[in-house]
Amino acid sequence: MGMLEDSVSLPALRAALEVAVRNRGGPGPDGVTVAAFAARAEVELDALRSEVLSGAWRPRPARRVLLPKPGGGYRPIAICCVRDRVLQHSLASELSARLDCGLHRFAFAWRRGRAARE
């Protein structure tokens, strides 16, 4: 299988859903919570997989939220729909697994389980 097929395999999508559940994020603009998505996981993940593989998947609009900053002002963030977050986690995991082995052993930035040692 290719990278896309691996990324949207049902086991990969289930693992990505577990990440989304652990992150305890809020609902996207569609109002679907992580718990509601997880309750219908098999149907939702199968539909998401089919959409991606057929080329029909399109990201849904994100919900914009302003978070207060400690020193004043606000930081805007975008909250994606749960289905889009699941796909993003799945793709990121697959990319990381495929690319990590090709990175220099002293490359630390944004790599899981790696940190620069002083």
PDB file of N, CA and C in Angstrom:
ATOM      1  N   MET A   1       0.836  -1.190   0.000  1.00  0.00           N
ATOM      2  CA  MET A   1       0.000   0.000   0.000  1.00  0.00           C
ATOM      3  C   MET A   1       0.878   1.249   0.000  1.00  0.00           C
ATOM      4  N   GLY A   2       0.311   2.337  -0.476  1.00  0.00           N
ATOM      5  CA  GLY A   2       1.014   3.609  -0.477  1.00  0.00           C
ATOM      6  C   GLY A   2       0.803   4.351   0.829  1.00  0.00           C
ATOM      7  N   MET A   3       1.457   5.511   0.917  1.00  0.00           N
ATOM      8  CA  MET A   3       1.382   6.288   2.145  1.00  0.00           C
ATOM      9  C   MET A   3      -0.048   6.723   2.468  1.00  0.00           C
ATOM     10  N   LEU A   4      -0.790   7.170   1.468  1.00  0.00           N
ATOM     11  CA  LEU A   4      -2.156   7.608   1.719  1.00  0.00           C
ATOM     12  C   LEU A   4      -3.020   6.456   2.203  1.00  0.00           C
ATOM     13  N   GLU A   5      -2.904   5.325   1.560  1.00  0.00           N
ATOM     14  CA  GLU A   5      -3.691   4.161   1.967  1.00  0.00           C
ATOM     15  C   GLU A   5      -3.327   3.720   3.384  1.00  0.00           C
ATOM     16  N   ASP A   6      -2.031   3.757   3.706  1.00  0.00           N
ATOM     17  CA  ASP A   6      -1.596   3.420   5.069  1.00  0.00           C
ATOM     18  C   ASP A   6      -2.146   4.418   6.082  1.00  0.00           C
ATOM     19  N   SER A   7      -2.138   5.690   5.703  1.00  0.00           N
ATOM     20  CA  SER A   7      -2.589   6.746   6.611  1.00  0.00           C
ATOM     21  C   SER A   7      -4.072   6.646   6.934  1.00  0.00           C
ATOM     22  N   VAL A   8      -4.853   6.177   5.985  1.00  0.00           N
ATOM     23  CA  VAL A   8      -6.297   6.106   6.214  1.00  0.00           C
ATOM     24  C   VAL A   8      -6.790   4.674   6.399  1.00  0.00           C
ATOM     25  N   SER A   9      -5.869   3.777   6.748  1.00  0.00           N
ATOM     26  CA  SER A   9      -6.330   2.432   7.096  1.00  0.00           C
ATOM     27  C   SER A   9      -7.156   2.557   8.376  1.00  0.00           C
ATOM     28  N   LEU A  10      -8.074   1.657   8.569  1.00  0.00           N
ATOM     29  CA  LEU A  10      -8.919   1.748   9.770  1.00  0.00           C
ATOM     30  C   LEU A  10      -8.111   1.673  11.060  1.00  0.00           C
ATOM     31  N   PRO A  11      -7.072   0.818  11.164  1.00  0.00           N
ATOM     32  CA  PRO A  11      -6.268   0.839  12.392  1.00  0.00           C
ATOM     33  C   PRO A  11      -5.567   2.186  12.615  1.00  0.00           C
ATOM     34  N   ALA A  12      -5.078   2.809  11.542  1.00  0.00           N
ATOM     35  CA  ALA A  12      -4.411   4.115  11.673  1.00  0.00           C
ATOM     36  C   ALA A  12      -5.409   5.182  12.102  1.00  0.00           C
ATOM     37  N   LEU A  13      -6.597   5.158  11.534  1.00  0.00           N
ATOM     38  CA  LEU A  13      -7.620   6.133  11.910  1.00  0.00           C
ATOM     39  C   LEU A  13      -8.104   5.911  13.343  1.00  0.00           C
ATOM     40  N   ARG A  14      -8.208   4.653  13.772  1.00  0.00           N
ATOM     41  CA  ARG A  14      -8.597   4.376  15.159  1.00  0.00           C
ATOM     42  C   ARG A  14      -7.551   4.911  16.131  1.00  0.00           C
ATOM     43  N   ALA A  15      -6.275   4.717  15.807  1.00  0.00           N
ATOM     44  CA  ALA A  15      -5.198   5.232  16.658  1.00  0.00           C
ATOM     45  C   ALA A  15      -5.231   6.757  16.700  1.00  0.00           C
ATOM     46  N   ALA A  16      -5.522   7.379  15.571  1.00  0.00           N
ATOM     47  CA  ALA A  16      -5.613   8.835  15.527  1.00  0.00           C
ATOM     48  C   ALA A  16      -6.808   9.334  16.342  1.00  0.00           C
ATOM     49  N   LEU A  17      -7.900   8.589  16.320  1.00  0.00           N
ATOM     50  CA  LEU A  17      -9.059   8.959  17.137  1.00  0.00           C
ATOM     51  C   LEU A  17      -8.706   8.892  18.614  1.00  0.00           C
ATOM     52  N   GLU A  18      -7.918   7.898  19.004  1.00  0.00           N
ATOM     53  CA  GLU A  18      -7.489   7.807  20.406  1.00  0.00           C
ATOM     54  C   GLU A  18      -6.688   9.035  20.814  1.00  0.00           C
ATOM     55  N   VAL A  19      -5.871   9.556  19.913  1.00  0.00           N
ATOM     56  CA  VAL A  19      -5.110  10.785  20.190  1.00  0.00           C
ATOM     57  C   VAL A  19      -6.076  11.944  20.389  1.00  0.00           C
ATOM     58  N   ALA A  20      -7.060  12.057  19.513  1.00  0.00           N
ATOM     59  CA  ALA A  20      -8.046  13.135  19.627  1.00  0.00           C
ATOM     60  C   ALA A  20      -8.829  13.032  20.938  1.00  0.00           C
ATOM     61  N   VAL A  21      -9.158  11.822  21.355  1.00  0.00           N
ATOM     62  CA  VAL A  21      -9.870  11.619  22.625  1.00  0.00           C
ATOM     63  C   VAL A  21      -8.990  12.056  23.791  1.00  0.00           C
ATOM     64  N   ARG A  22      -7.709  11.660  23.777  1.00  0.00           N
ATOM     65  CA  ARG A  22      -6.787  12.046  24.855  1.00  0.00           C
ATOM     66  C   ARG A  22      -6.588  13.559  24.934  1.00  0.00           C
ATOM     67  N   ASN A  23      -6.634  14.237  23.778  1.00  0.00           N
ATOM     68  CA  ASN A  23      -6.426  15.688  23.755  1.00  0.00           C
ATOM     69  C   ASN A  23      -7.604  16.467  24.335  1.00  0.00           C
ATOM     70  N   ARG A  24      -8.747  15.814  24.457  1.00  0.00           N
ATOM     71  CA  ARG A  24      -9.941  16.416  25.068  1.00  0.00           C
ATOM     72  C   ARG A  24     -10.315  17.773  24.467  1.00  0.00           C
ATOM     73  N   GLY A  25     -10.196  17.897  23.148  1.00  0.00           N
ATOM     74  CA  GLY A  25     -10.532  19.149  22.480  1.00  0.00           C
ATOM     75  C   GLY A  25     -12.033  19.367  22.396  1.00  0.00           C
ATOM     76  N   GLY A  26     -12.389  20.586  22.124  1.00  0.00           N
ATOM     77  CA  GLY A  26     -13.791  20.960  21.993  1.00  0.00           C
ATOM     78  C   GLY A  26     -14.335  20.604  20.620  1.00  0.00           C
ATOM     79  N   PRO A  27     -15.631  20.790  20.447  1.00  0.00           N
ATOM     80  CA  PRO A  27     -16.249  20.496  19.155  1.00  0.00           C
ATOM     81  C   PRO A  27     -15.847  21.535  18.115  1.00  0.00           C
ATOM     82  N   GLY A  28     -15.892  21.136  16.870  1.00  0.00           N
ATOM     83  CA  GLY A  28     -15.645  22.065  15.772  1.00  0.00           C
ATOM     84  C   GLY A  28     -16.913  22.837  15.466  1.00  0.00           C
ATOM     85  N   PRO A  29     -16.935  23.549  14.363  1.00  0.00           N
ATOM     86  CA  PRO A  29     -18.103  24.359  14.026  1.00  0.00           C
ATOM     87  C   PRO A  29     -19.354  23.541  13.732  1.00  0.00           C
ATOM     88  N   ASP A  30     -19.186  22.254  13.452  1.00  0.00           N
ATOM     89  CA  ASP A  30     -20.354  21.399  13.202  1.00  0.00           C
ATOM     90  C   ASP A  30     -21.026  20.953  14.495  1.00  0.00           C
ATOM     91  N   GLY A  31     -20.400  21.255  15.643  1.00  0.00           N
ATOM     92  CA  GLY A  31     -20.975  20.909  16.943  1.00  0.00           C
ATOM     93  C   GLY A  31     -20.735  19.480  17.381  1.00  0.00           C
ATOM     94  N   VAL A  32     -20.059  18.672  16.570  1.00  0.00           N
ATOM     95  CA  VAL A  32     -19.810  17.270  16.919  1.00  0.00           C
ATOM     96  C   VAL A  32     -18.667  17.209  17.926  1.00  0.00           C
ATOM     97  N   THR A  33     -18.938  16.606  19.069  1.00  0.00           N
ATOM     98  CA  THR A  33     -17.910  16.457  20.098  1.00  0.00           C
ATOM     99  C   THR A  33     -17.057  15.226  19.809  1.00  0.00           C
ATOM    100  N   VAL A  34     -15.923  15.160  20.461  1.00  0.00           N
ATOM    101  CA  VAL A  34     -15.058  13.988  20.312  1.00  0.00           C
ATOM    102  C   VAL A  34     -15.797  12.747  20.804  1.00  0.00           C
ATOM    103  N   ALA A  35     -16.528  12.880  21.911  1.00  0.00           N
ATOM    104  CA  ALA A  35     -17.272  11.736  22.463  1.00  0.00           C
ATOM    105  C   ALA A  35     -18.347  11.253  21.493  1.00  0.00           C
ATOM    106  N   ALA A  36     -19.059  12.170  20.862  1.00  0.00           N
ATOM    107  CA  ALA A  36     -20.103  11.790  19.910  1.00  0.00           C
ATOM    108  C   ALA A  36     -19.488  11.119  18.683  1.00  0.00           C
ATOM    109  N   PHE A  37     -18.366  11.650  18.218  1.00  0.00           N
ATOM    110  CA  PHE A  37     -17.679  11.047  17.075  1.00  0.00           C
ATOM    111  C   PHE A  37     -17.197   9.649  17.436  1.00  0.00           C
ATOM    112  N   ALA A  38     -16.612   9.515  18.624  1.00  0.00           N
ATOM    113  CA  ALA A  38     -16.087   8.220  19.075  1.00  0.00           C
ATOM    114  C   ALA A  38     -17.206   7.187  19.239  1.00  0.00           C
ATOM    115  N   ALA A  39     -18.392   7.637  19.654  1.00  0.00           N
ATOM    116  CA  ALA A  39     -19.515   6.720  19.830  1.00  0.00           C
ATOM    117  C   ALA A  39     -19.949   6.108  18.488  1.00  0.00           C
ATOM    118  N   ARG A  40     -19.705   6.823  17.418  1.00  0.00           N
ATOM    119  CA  ARG A  40     -20.042   6.337  16.073  1.00  0.00           C
ATOM    120  C   ARG A  40     -18.775   6.071  15.260  1.00  0.00           C
ATOM    121  N   ALA A  41     -17.718   5.692  15.941  1.00  0.00           N
ATOM    122  CA  ALA A  41     -16.390   5.612  15.334  1.00  0.00           C
ATOM    123  C   ALA A  41     -16.348   4.767  14.072  1.00  0.00           C
ATOM    124  N   GLU A  42     -16.867   3.573  14.096  1.00  0.00           N
ATOM    125  CA  GLU A  42     -16.721   2.688  12.936  1.00  0.00           C
ATOM    126  C   GLU A  42     -17.388   3.283  11.696  1.00  0.00           C
ATOM    127  N   VAL A  43     -18.577   3.831  11.859  1.00  0.00           N
ATOM    128  CA  VAL A  43     -19.280   4.444  10.726  1.00  0.00           C
ATOM    129  C   VAL A  43     -18.527   5.690  10.254  1.00  0.00           C
ATOM    130  N   GLU A  44     -18.151   6.551  11.206  1.00  0.00           N
ATOM    131  CA  GLU A  44     -17.464   7.800  10.870  1.00  0.00           C
ATOM    132  C   GLU A  44     -16.115   7.547  10.210  1.00  0.00           C
ATOM    133  N   LEU A  45     -15.331   6.622  10.765  1.00  0.00           N
ATOM    134  CA  LEU A  45     -13.998   6.358  10.226  1.00  0.00           C
ATOM    135  C   LEU A  45     -14.069   5.706   8.854  1.00  0.00           C
ATOM    136  N   ASP A  46     -15.021   4.827   8.668  1.00  0.00           N
ATOM    137  CA  ASP A  46     -15.194   4.190   7.362  1.00  0.00           C
ATOM    138  C   ASP A  46     -15.586   5.228   6.311  1.00  0.00           C
ATOM    139  N   ALA A  47     -16.494   6.137   6.673  1.00  0.00           N
ATOM    140  CA  ALA A  47     -16.905   7.194   5.741  1.00  0.00           C
ATOM    141  C   ALA A  47     -15.740   8.128   5.432  1.00  0.00           C
ATOM    142  N   LEU A  48     -14.971   8.494   6.453  1.00  0.00           N
ATOM    143  CA  LEU A  48     -13.813   9.362   6.261  1.00  0.00           C
ATOM    144  C   LEU A  48     -12.799   8.696   5.332  1.00  0.00           C
ATOM    145  N   ARG A  49     -12.536   7.425   5.570  1.00  0.00           N
ATOM    146  CA  ARG A  49     -11.592   6.671   4.735  1.00  0.00           C
ATOM    147  C   ARG A  49     -12.054   6.650   3.283  1.00  0.00           C
ATOM    148  N   SER A  50     -13.315   6.375   3.071  1.00  0.00           N
ATOM    149  CA  SER A  50     -13.858   6.322   1.707  1.00  0.00           C
ATOM    150  C   SER A  50     -13.758   7.672   1.009  1.00  0.00           C
ATOM    151  N   GLU A  51     -14.065   8.739   1.743  1.00  0.00           N
ATOM    152  CA  GLU A  51     -13.975  10.087   1.165  1.00  0.00           C
ATOM    153  C   GLU A  51     -12.547  10.411   0.738  1.00  0.00           C
ATOM    154  N   VAL A  52     -11.588  10.104   1.596  1.00  0.00           N
ATOM    155  CA  VAL A  52     -10.190  10.416   1.288  1.00  0.00           C
ATOM    156  C   VAL A  52      -9.720   9.619   0.076  1.00  0.00           C
ATOM    157  N   LEU A  53      -9.977   8.331   0.074  1.00  0.00           N
ATOM    158  CA  LEU A  53      -9.497   7.480  -1.017  1.00  0.00           C
ATOM    159  C   LEU A  53     -10.176   7.784  -2.353  1.00  0.00           C
ATOM    160  N   SER A  54     -11.405   8.275  -2.315  1.00  0.00           N
ATOM    161  CA  SER A  54     -12.106   8.612  -3.564  1.00  0.00           C
ATOM    162  C   SER A  54     -11.782  10.019  -4.049  1.00  0.00           C
ATOM    163  N   GLY A  55     -11.113  10.804  -3.205  1.00  0.00           N
ATOM    164  CA  GLY A  55     -10.797  12.185  -3.571  1.00  0.00           C
ATOM    165  C   GLY A  55     -11.910  13.160  -3.251  1.00  0.00           C
ATOM    166  N   ALA A  56     -12.946  12.700  -2.584  1.00  0.00           N
ATOM    167  CA  ALA A  56     -14.085  13.561  -2.264  1.00  0.00           C
ATOM    168  C   ALA A  56     -13.902  14.345  -0.965  1.00  0.00           C
ATOM    169  N   TRP A  57     -12.935  13.962  -0.132  1.00  0.00           N
ATOM    170  CA  TRP A  57     -12.764  14.632   1.159  1.00  0.00           C
ATOM    171  C   TRP A  57     -12.327  16.074   0.961  1.00  0.00           C
ATOM    172  N   ARG A  58     -12.942  16.972   1.700  1.00  0.00           N
ATOM    173  CA  ARG A  58     -12.552  18.368   1.760  1.00  0.00           C
ATOM    174  C   ARG A  58     -12.598  18.777   3.223  1.00  0.00           C
ATOM    175  N   PRO A  59     -11.621  19.559   3.679  1.00  0.00           N
ATOM    176  CA  PRO A  59     -11.680  19.998   5.079  1.00  0.00           C
ATOM    177  C   PRO A  59     -12.882  20.900   5.287  1.00  0.00           C
ATOM    178  N   ARG A  60     -13.474  20.762   6.440  1.00  0.00           N
ATOM    179  CA  ARG A  60     -14.608  21.620   6.779  1.00  0.00           C
ATOM    180  C   ARG A  60     -14.084  22.904   7.411  1.00  0.00           C
ATOM    181  N   PRO A  61     -14.880  23.958   7.394  1.00  0.00           N
ATOM    182  CA  PRO A  61     -14.424  25.213   8.003  1.00  0.00           C
ATOM    183  C   PRO A  61     -14.105  25.017   9.481  1.00  0.00           C
ATOM    184  N   ALA A  62     -13.153  25.782   9.973  1.00  0.00           N
ATOM    185  CA  ALA A  62     -12.769  25.710  11.378  1.00  0.00           C
ATOM    186  C   ALA A  62     -13.537  26.757  12.175  1.00  0.00           C
ATOM    187  N   ARG A  63     -13.633  26.501  13.471  1.00  0.00           N
ATOM    188  CA  ARG A  63     -14.275  27.451  14.387  1.00  0.00           C
ATOM    189  C   ARG A  63     -13.174  28.310  14.997  1.00  0.00           C
ATOM    190  N   ARG A  64     -13.313  29.622  14.893  1.00  0.00           N
ATOM    191  CA  ARG A  64     -12.305  30.531  15.429  1.00  0.00           C
ATOM    192  C   ARG A  64     -12.660  30.886  16.868  1.00  0.00           C
ATOM    193  N   VAL A  65     -11.643  30.772  17.724  1.00  0.00           N
ATOM    194  CA  VAL A  65     -11.814  31.074  19.148  1.00  0.00           C
ATOM    195  C   VAL A  65     -10.679  32.007  19.565  1.00  0.00           C
ATOM    196  N   LEU A  66     -10.993  32.971  20.412  1.00  0.00           N
ATOM    197  CA  LEU A  66      -9.974  33.872  20.941  1.00  0.00           C
ATOM    198  C   LEU A  66      -9.673  33.481  22.381  1.00  0.00           C
ATOM    199  N   LEU A  67      -8.425  33.114  22.638  1.00  0.00           N
ATOM    200  CA  LEU A  67      -8.009  32.736  23.988  1.00  0.00           C
ATOM    201  C   LEU A  67      -7.305  33.915  24.639  1.00  0.00           C
ATOM    202  N   PRO A  68      -7.694  34.251  25.870  1.00  0.00           N
ATOM    203  CA  PRO A  68      -7.016  35.370  26.546  1.00  0.00           C
ATOM    204  C   PRO A  68      -5.560  35.020  26.856  1.00  0.00           C
ATOM    205  N   LYS A  69      -4.674  35.983  26.630  1.00  0.00           N
ATOM    206  CA  LYS A  69      -3.254  35.809  26.932  1.00  0.00           C
ATOM    207  C   LYS A  69      -2.977  36.361  28.330  1.00  0.00           C
ATOM    208  N   PRO A  70      -2.024  35.773  29.050  1.00  0.00           N
ATOM    209  CA  PRO A  70      -1.729  36.218  30.417  1.00  0.00           C
ATOM    210  C   PRO A  70      -1.373  37.708  30.506  1.00  0.00           C
ATOM    211  N   GLY A  71      -0.677  38.239  29.516  1.00  0.00           N
ATOM    212  CA  GLY A  71      -0.266  39.644  29.549  1.00  0.00           C
ATOM    213  C   GLY A  71      -1.282  40.580  28.927  1.00  0.00           C
ATOM    214  N   GLY A  72      -2.453  40.081  28.611  1.00  0.00           N
ATOM    215  CA  GLY A  72      -3.480  40.893  27.957  1.00  0.00           C
ATOM    216  C   GLY A  72      -3.580  40.555  26.488  1.00  0.00           C
ATOM    217  N   GLY A  73      -4.676  40.887  25.928  1.00  0.00           N
ATOM    218  CA  GLY A  73      -4.917  40.575  24.527  1.00  0.00           C
ATOM    219  C   GLY A  73      -5.419  39.149  24.347  1.00  0.00           C
ATOM    220  N   TYR A  74      -5.524  38.759  23.102  1.00  0.00           N
ATOM    221  CA  TYR A  74      -6.065  37.444  22.785  1.00  0.00           C
ATOM    222  C   TYR A  74      -5.205  36.754  21.738  1.00  0.00           C
ATOM    223  N   ARG A  75      -5.241  35.435  21.790  1.00  0.00           N
ATOM    224  CA  ARG A  75      -4.558  34.618  20.783  1.00  0.00           C
ATOM    225  C   ARG A  75      -5.635  33.862  20.014  1.00  0.00           C
ATOM    226  N   PRO A  76      -5.733  34.104  18.705  1.00  0.00           N
ATOM    227  CA  PRO A  76      -6.751  33.385  17.932  1.00  0.00           C
ATOM    228  C   PRO A  76      -6.294  31.958  17.635  1.00  0.00           C
ATOM    229  N   ILE A  77      -7.200  31.025  17.766  1.00  0.00           N
ATOM    230  CA  ILE A  77      -6.936  29.644  17.371  1.00  0.00           C
ATOM    231  C   ILE A  77      -8.105  29.171  16.511  1.00  0.00           C
ATOM    232  N   ALA A  78      -7.844  28.168  15.720  1.00  0.00           N
ATOM    233  CA  ALA A  78      -8.886  27.572  14.881  1.00  0.00           C
ATOM    234  C   ALA A  78      -9.119  26.147  15.370  1.00  0.00           C
ATOM    235  N   ILE A  79     -10.356  25.815  15.627  1.00  0.00           N
ATOM    236  CA  ILE A  79     -10.709  24.465  16.067  1.00  0.00           C
ATOM    237  C   ILE A  79     -11.377  23.751  14.901  1.00  0.00           C
ATOM    238  N   CYS A  80     -10.722  22.703  14.436  1.00  0.00           N
ATOM    239  CA  CYS A  80     -11.237  21.922  13.311  1.00  0.00           C
ATOM    240  C   CYS A  80     -12.311  20.948  13.785  1.00  0.00           C
ATOM    241  N   CYS A  81     -13.078  20.458  12.843  1.00  0.00           N
ATOM    242  CA  CYS A  81     -14.035  19.393  13.125  1.00  0.00           C
ATOM    243  C   CYS A  81     -13.257  18.162  13.577  1.00  0.00           C
ATOM    244  N   VAL A  82     -13.889  17.340  14.388  1.00  0.00           N
ATOM    245  CA  VAL A  82     -13.223  16.145  14.911  1.00  0.00           C
ATOM    246  C   VAL A  82     -12.732  15.263  13.779  1.00  0.00           C
ATOM    247  N   ARG A  83     -13.532  15.082  12.759  1.00  0.00           N
ATOM    248  CA  ARG A  83     -13.143  14.209  11.639  1.00  0.00           C
ATOM    249  C   ARG A  83     -11.869  14.711  10.968  1.00  0.00           C
ATOM    250  N   ASP A  84     -11.736  16.032  10.841  1.00  0.00           N
ATOM    251  CA  ASP A  84     -10.530  16.588  10.232  1.00  0.00           C
ATOM    252  C   ASP A  84      -9.327  16.433  11.154  1.00  0.00           C
ATOM    253  N   ARG A  85      -9.549  16.571  12.461  1.00  0.00           N
ATOM    254  CA  ARG A  85      -8.456  16.368  13.423  1.00  0.00           C
ATOM    255  C   ARG A  85      -7.958  14.932  13.386  1.00  0.00           C
ATOM    256  N   VAL A  86      -8.885  13.999  13.287  1.00  0.00           N
ATOM    257  CA  VAL A  86      -8.513  12.577  13.230  1.00  0.00           C
ATOM    258  C   VAL A  86      -7.656  12.326  11.991  1.00  0.00           C
ATOM    259  N   LEU A  87      -8.068  12.853  10.865  1.00  0.00           N
ATOM    260  CA  LEU A  87      -7.299  12.674   9.640  1.00  0.00           C
ATOM    261  C   LEU A  87      -5.919  13.333   9.763  1.00  0.00           C
ATOM    262  N   GLN A  88      -5.861  14.520  10.336  1.00  0.00           N
ATOM    263  CA  GLN A  88      -4.579  15.205  10.510  1.00  0.00           C
ATOM    264  C   GLN A  88      -3.635  14.397  11.398  1.00  0.00           C
ATOM    265  N   HIS A  89      -4.141  13.858  12.498  1.00  0.00           N
ATOM    266  CA  HIS A  89      -3.310  13.026  13.384  1.00  0.00           C
ATOM    267  C   HIS A  89      -2.806  11.791  12.644  1.00  0.00           C
ATOM    268  N   SER A  90      -3.676  11.175  11.860  1.00  0.00           N
ATOM    269  CA  SER A  90      -3.301   9.966  11.145  1.00  0.00           C
ATOM    270  C   SER A  90      -2.219  10.253  10.101  1.00  0.00           C
ATOM    271  N   LEU A  91      -2.396  11.331   9.347  1.00  0.00           N
ATOM    272  CA  LEU A  91      -1.405  11.698   8.337  1.00  0.00           C
ATOM    273  C   LEU A  91      -0.073  12.085   8.982  1.00  0.00           C
ATOM    274  N   ALA A  92      -0.131  12.845  10.070  1.00  0.00           N
ATOM    275  CA  ALA A  92       1.096  13.259  10.756  1.00  0.00           C
ATOM    276  C   ALA A  92       1.858  12.055  11.298  1.00  0.00           C
ATOM    277  N   SER A  93       1.142  11.098  11.831  1.00  0.00           N
ATOM    278  CA  SER A  93       1.776   9.900  12.374  1.00  0.00           C
ATOM    279  C   SER A  93       2.480   9.108  11.271  1.00  0.00           C
ATOM    280  N   GLU A  94       1.808   8.945  10.151  1.00  0.00           N
ATOM    281  CA  GLU A  94       2.394   8.203   9.038  1.00  0.00           C
ATOM    282  C   GLU A  94       3.603   8.937   8.455  1.00  0.00           C
ATOM    283  N   LEU A  95       3.483  10.232   8.292  1.00  0.00           N
ATOM    284  CA  LEU A  95       4.619  11.008   7.775  1.00  0.00           C
ATOM    285  C   LEU A  95       5.807  10.929   8.722  1.00  0.00           C
ATOM    286  N   SER A  96       5.542  11.061  10.002  1.00  0.00           N
ATOM    287  CA  SER A  96       6.614  11.006  10.996  1.00  0.00           C
ATOM    288  C   SER A  96       7.320   9.654  10.948  1.00  0.00           C
ATOM    289  N   ALA A  97       6.547   8.597  10.883  1.00  0.00           N
ATOM    290  CA  ALA A  97       7.127   7.256  10.855  1.00  0.00           C
ATOM    291  C   ALA A  97       7.993   7.048   9.609  1.00  0.00           C
ATOM    292  N   ARG A  98       7.555   7.582   8.486  1.00  0.00           N
ATOM    293  CA  ARG A  98       8.294   7.385   7.238  1.00  0.00           C
ATOM    294  C   ARG A  98       9.515   8.293   7.114  1.00  0.00           C
ATOM    295  N   LEU A  99       9.428   9.487   7.683  1.00  0.00           N
ATOM    296  CA  LEU A  99      10.513  10.450   7.497  1.00  0.00           C
ATOM    297  C   LEU A  99      11.546  10.448   8.611  1.00  0.00           C
ATOM    298  N   ASP A 100      11.165  10.030   9.792  1.00  0.00           N
ATOM    299  CA  ASP A 100      12.050  10.120  10.952  1.00  0.00           C
ATOM    300  C   ASP A 100      13.366   9.386  10.735  1.00  0.00           C
ATOM    301  N   CYS A 101      13.316   8.232  10.135  1.00  0.00           N
ATOM    302  CA  CYS A 101      14.533   7.442   9.948  1.00  0.00           C
ATOM    303  C   CYS A 101      15.521   8.116   8.998  1.00  0.00           C
ATOM    304  N   GLY A 102      15.061   9.033   8.172  1.00  0.00           N
ATOM    305  CA  GLY A 102      15.943   9.714   7.239  1.00  0.00           C
ATOM    306  C   GLY A 102      16.539  10.999   7.776  1.00  0.00           C
ATOM    307  N   LEU A 103      16.133  11.400   8.975  1.00  0.00           N
ATOM    308  CA  LEU A 103      16.650  12.642   9.542  1.00  0.00           C
ATOM    309  C   LEU A 103      17.979  12.398  10.243  1.00  0.00           C
ATOM    310  N   HIS A 104      18.769  13.427  10.304  1.00  0.00           N
ATOM    311  CA  HIS A 104      20.063  13.344  10.979  1.00  0.00           C
ATOM    312  C   HIS A 104      19.841  13.036  12.452  1.00  0.00           C
ATOM    313  N   ARG A 105      20.757  12.287  13.041  1.00  0.00           N
ATOM    314  CA  ARG A 105      20.568  11.877  14.438  1.00  0.00           C
ATOM    315  C   ARG A 105      20.602  13.055  15.395  1.00  0.00           C
ATOM    316  N   PHE A 106      21.137  14.205  14.977  1.00  0.00           N
ATOM    317  CA  PHE A 106      21.161  15.390  15.836  1.00  0.00           C
ATOM    318  C   PHE A 106      20.014  16.359  15.528  1.00  0.00           C
ATOM    319  N   ALA A 107      19.073  15.956  14.709  1.00  0.00           N
ATOM    320  CA  ALA A 107      17.895  16.780  14.428  1.00  0.00           C
ATOM    321  C   ALA A 107      16.858  16.490  15.507  1.00  0.00           C
ATOM    322  N   PHE A 108      16.537  17.492  16.311  1.00  0.00           N
ATOM    323  CA  PHE A 108      15.658  17.272  17.455  1.00  0.00           C
ATOM    324  C   PHE A 108      14.287  17.948  17.333  1.00  0.00           C
ATOM    325  N   ALA A 109      14.198  19.013  16.574  1.00  0.00           N
ATOM    326  CA  ALA A 109      12.983  19.829  16.573  1.00  0.00           C
ATOM    327  C   ALA A 109      11.754  19.043  16.121  1.00  0.00           C
ATOM    328  N   TRP A 110      10.716  19.125  16.907  1.00  0.00           N
ATOM    329  CA  TRP A 110       9.398  18.552  16.624  1.00  0.00           C
ATOM    330  C   TRP A 110       9.408  17.049  16.399  1.00  0.00           C
ATOM    331  N   ARG A 111      10.360  16.356  16.984  1.00  0.00           N
ATOM    332  CA  ARG A 111      10.413  14.909  16.864  1.00  0.00           C
ATOM    333  C   ARG A 111      10.021  14.284  18.185  1.00  0.00           C
ATOM    334  N   ARG A 112       9.063  13.407  18.119  1.00  0.00           N
ATOM    335  CA  ARG A 112       8.557  12.742  19.310  1.00  0.00           C
ATOM    336  C   ARG A 112       9.674  11.937  19.975  1.00  0.00           C
ATOM    337  N   GLY A 113       9.805  12.127  21.293  1.00  0.00           N
ATOM    338  CA  GLY A 113      10.767  11.351  22.059  1.00  0.00           C
ATOM    339  C   GLY A 113      12.203  11.820  21.906  1.00  0.00           C
ATOM    340  N   ARG A 114      12.404  12.976  21.286  1.00  0.00           N
ATOM    341  CA  ARG A 114      13.764  13.490  21.108  1.00  0.00           C
ATOM    342  C   ARG A 114      13.845  14.889  21.697  1.00  0.00           C
ATOM    343  N   ALA A 115      14.939  15.190  22.301  1.00  0.00           N
ATOM    344  CA  ALA A 115      15.165  16.532  22.850  1.00  0.00           C
ATOM    345  C   ALA A 115      16.645  16.851  22.792  1.00  0.00           C
ATOM    346  N   ALA A 116      16.957  18.099  22.605  1.00  0.00           N
ATOM    347  CA  ALA A 116      18.355  18.524  22.596  1.00  0.00           C
ATOM    348  C   ALA A 116      18.906  18.378  24.003  1.00  0.00           C
ATOM    349  N   ARG A 117      20.079  17.805  24.099  1.00  0.00           N
ATOM    350  CA  ARG A 117      20.687  17.624  25.409  1.00  0.00           C
ATOM    351  C   ARG A 117      21.777  18.655  25.574  1.00  0.00           C
ATOM    352  N   GLU A 118      21.776  19.297  26.715  1.00  0.00           N
ATOM    353  CA  GLU A 118      22.767  20.354  27.004  1.00  0.00           C
ATOM    354  C   GLU A 118      24.093  19.751  27.360  1.00  0.00           C
TER     355      GLU A 118
END
